[in-house]
Amino acid sequence: MGKIILRLDRVMADRKMSLNELSVKVGVTNVNLSKIKTGKISAIRFSTLEAICDALQCQPGDILEYDPNAVSEDKE
């Protein structure tokens, strides 16, 4: 089974937006956004994903990527 990879860091870099700036725009703490950015989460609320997409002017597919060849850490 594959793995969902988070690409928030790449989209933030493309938009030249810092974690602090995104945190203020989205209304989510730096710590929680950092976990999303590094992929240290197992779920994300649609409302948070919507707020991130709104702030970064992107689509969910710009942030989330499915890699069918990657091994999920919880399946190892």
C-alpha atoms as a PDB file:
ATOM      1  CA  MET A   1       0.000   0.000   0.000  1.00  0.00           C
ATOM      2  CA  GLY A   2       1.237   3.499  -0.822  1.00  0.00           C
ATOM      3  CA  LYS A   3       1.532   6.626   1.240  1.00  0.00           C
ATOM      4  CA  ILE A   4       0.141  10.171   1.251  1.00  0.00           C
ATOM      5  CA  ILE A   5       2.972  12.721   1.107  1.00  0.00           C
ATOM      6  CA  LEU A   6       2.454  16.295   2.273  1.00  0.00           C
ATOM      7  CA  ARG A   7       3.992  19.000   0.088  1.00  0.00           C
ATOM      8  CA  LEU A   8       3.030  22.032   2.180  1.00  0.00           C
ATOM      9  CA  ASP A   9       6.675  23.103   2.449  1.00  0.00           C
ATOM     10  CA  ARG A  10       7.014  23.244  -1.331  1.00  0.00           C
ATOM     11  CA  VAL A  11       3.812  25.264  -1.818  1.00  0.00           C
ATOM     12  CA  MET A  12       4.807  27.667   0.968  1.00  0.00           C
ATOM     13  CA  ALA A  13       8.219  28.165  -0.636  1.00  0.00           C
ATOM     14  CA  ASP A  14       6.624  28.787  -4.045  1.00  0.00           C
ATOM     15  CA  ARG A  15       4.384  31.444  -2.448  1.00  0.00           C
ATOM     16  CA  LYS A  16       7.250  32.837  -0.331  1.00  0.00           C
ATOM     17  CA  MET A  17       5.130  32.487   2.805  1.00  0.00           C
ATOM     18  CA  SER A  18       6.584  31.777   6.226  1.00  0.00           C
ATOM     19  CA  LEU A  19       5.117  29.377   8.763  1.00  0.00           C
ATOM     20  CA  ASN A  20       4.272  32.315  11.033  1.00  0.00           C
ATOM     21  CA  GLU A  21       2.440  34.172   8.265  1.00  0.00           C
ATOM     22  CA  LEU A  22       0.487  31.079   7.265  1.00  0.00           C
ATOM     23  CA  SER A  23      -0.349  30.375  10.902  1.00  0.00           C
ATOM     24  CA  VAL A  24      -1.916  33.817  11.288  1.00  0.00           C
ATOM     25  CA  LYS A  25      -3.873  33.536   8.027  1.00  0.00           C
ATOM     26  CA  VAL A  26      -5.148  30.027   8.748  1.00  0.00           C
ATOM     27  CA  GLY A  27      -5.743  30.378  12.493  1.00  0.00           C
ATOM     28  CA  VAL A  28      -3.748  27.273  13.362  1.00  0.00           C
ATOM     29  CA  THR A  29      -0.798  27.216  15.756  1.00  0.00           C
ATOM     30  CA  ASN A  30       2.758  27.136  14.447  1.00  0.00           C
ATOM     31  CA  VAL A  31       3.243  23.759  16.129  1.00  0.00           C
ATOM     32  CA  ASN A  32       0.281  22.176  14.334  1.00  0.00           C
ATOM     33  CA  LEU A  33       1.246  23.699  10.978  1.00  0.00           C
ATOM     34  CA  SER A  34       4.803  22.497  11.476  1.00  0.00           C
ATOM     35  CA  LYS A  35       3.485  18.945  12.000  1.00  0.00           C
ATOM     36  CA  ILE A  36       1.496  19.217   8.775  1.00  0.00           C
ATOM     37  CA  LYS A  37       4.514  20.647   6.955  1.00  0.00           C
ATOM     38  CA  THR A  38       6.778  17.795   8.075  1.00  0.00           C
ATOM     39  CA  GLY A  39       4.146  15.091   7.562  1.00  0.00           C
ATOM     40  CA  LYS A  40       3.994  14.167  11.249  1.00  0.00           C
ATOM     41  CA  ILE A  41       0.186  13.874  11.191  1.00  0.00           C
ATOM     42  CA  SER A  42      -2.230  11.044  10.527  1.00  0.00           C
ATOM     43  CA  ALA A  43      -5.265  13.210   9.684  1.00  0.00           C
ATOM     44  CA  ILE A  44      -6.201  16.750   8.687  1.00  0.00           C
ATOM     45  CA  ARG A  45      -9.577  18.427   9.028  1.00  0.00           C
ATOM     46  CA  PHE A  46     -11.186  19.588   5.813  1.00  0.00           C
ATOM     47  CA  SER A  47     -11.716  23.018   7.412  1.00  0.00           C
ATOM     48  CA  THR A  48      -7.949  23.299   8.024  1.00  0.00           C
ATOM     49  CA  LEU A  49      -7.146  22.097   4.505  1.00  0.00           C
ATOM     50  CA  GLU A  50      -9.645  24.593   3.080  1.00  0.00           C
ATOM     51  CA  ALA A  51      -8.107  27.446   5.112  1.00  0.00           C
ATOM     52  CA  ILE A  52      -4.584  26.489   3.979  1.00  0.00           C
ATOM     53  CA  CYS A  53      -5.687  26.322   0.337  1.00  0.00           C
ATOM     54  CA  ASP A  54      -7.413  29.690   0.663  1.00  0.00           C
ATOM     55  CA  ALA A  55      -4.344  31.323   2.244  1.00  0.00           C
ATOM     56  CA  LEU A  56      -1.947  29.828  -0.313  1.00  0.00           C
ATOM     57  CA  GLN A  57      -4.326  30.151  -3.280  1.00  0.00           C
ATOM     58  CA  CYS A  58      -3.824  26.504  -4.208  1.00  0.00           C
ATOM     59  CA  GLN A  59      -5.720  23.246  -4.623  1.00  0.00           C
ATOM     60  CA  PRO A  60      -5.605  20.307  -2.146  1.00  0.00           C
ATOM     61  CA  GLY A  61      -3.733  18.317  -4.808  1.00  0.00           C
ATOM     62  CA  ASP A  62      -0.922  20.882  -4.646  1.00  0.00           C
ATOM     63  CA  ILE A  63      -0.401  19.956  -0.980  1.00  0.00           C
ATOM     64  CA  LEU A  64      -1.282  16.251  -0.940  1.00  0.00           C
ATOM     65  CA  GLU A  65       0.371  13.640  -3.122  1.00  0.00           C
ATOM     66  CA  TYR A  66      -0.170   9.879  -3.242  1.00  0.00           C
ATOM     67  CA  ASP A  67       2.881   7.718  -3.855  1.00  0.00           C
ATOM     68  CA  PRO A  68       1.796   4.126  -4.550  1.00  0.00           C
ATOM     69  CA  ASN A  69       5.378   2.879  -4.171  1.00  0.00           C
ATOM     70  CA  ALA A  70       6.138   4.491  -0.802  1.00  0.00           C
ATOM     71  CA  VAL A  71       5.736   2.384   2.318  1.00  0.00           C
ATOM     72  CA  SER A  72       3.522   3.884   4.990  1.00  0.00           C
ATOM     73  CA  GLU A  73       5.389   4.156   8.310  1.00  0.00           C
ATOM     74  CA  ASP A  74       2.511   2.626  10.272  1.00  0.00           C
ATOM     75  CA  LYS A  75       2.562  -0.416   7.938  1.00  0.00           C
ATOM     76  CA  GLU A  76       6.287  -1.198   8.346  1.00  0.00           C
END
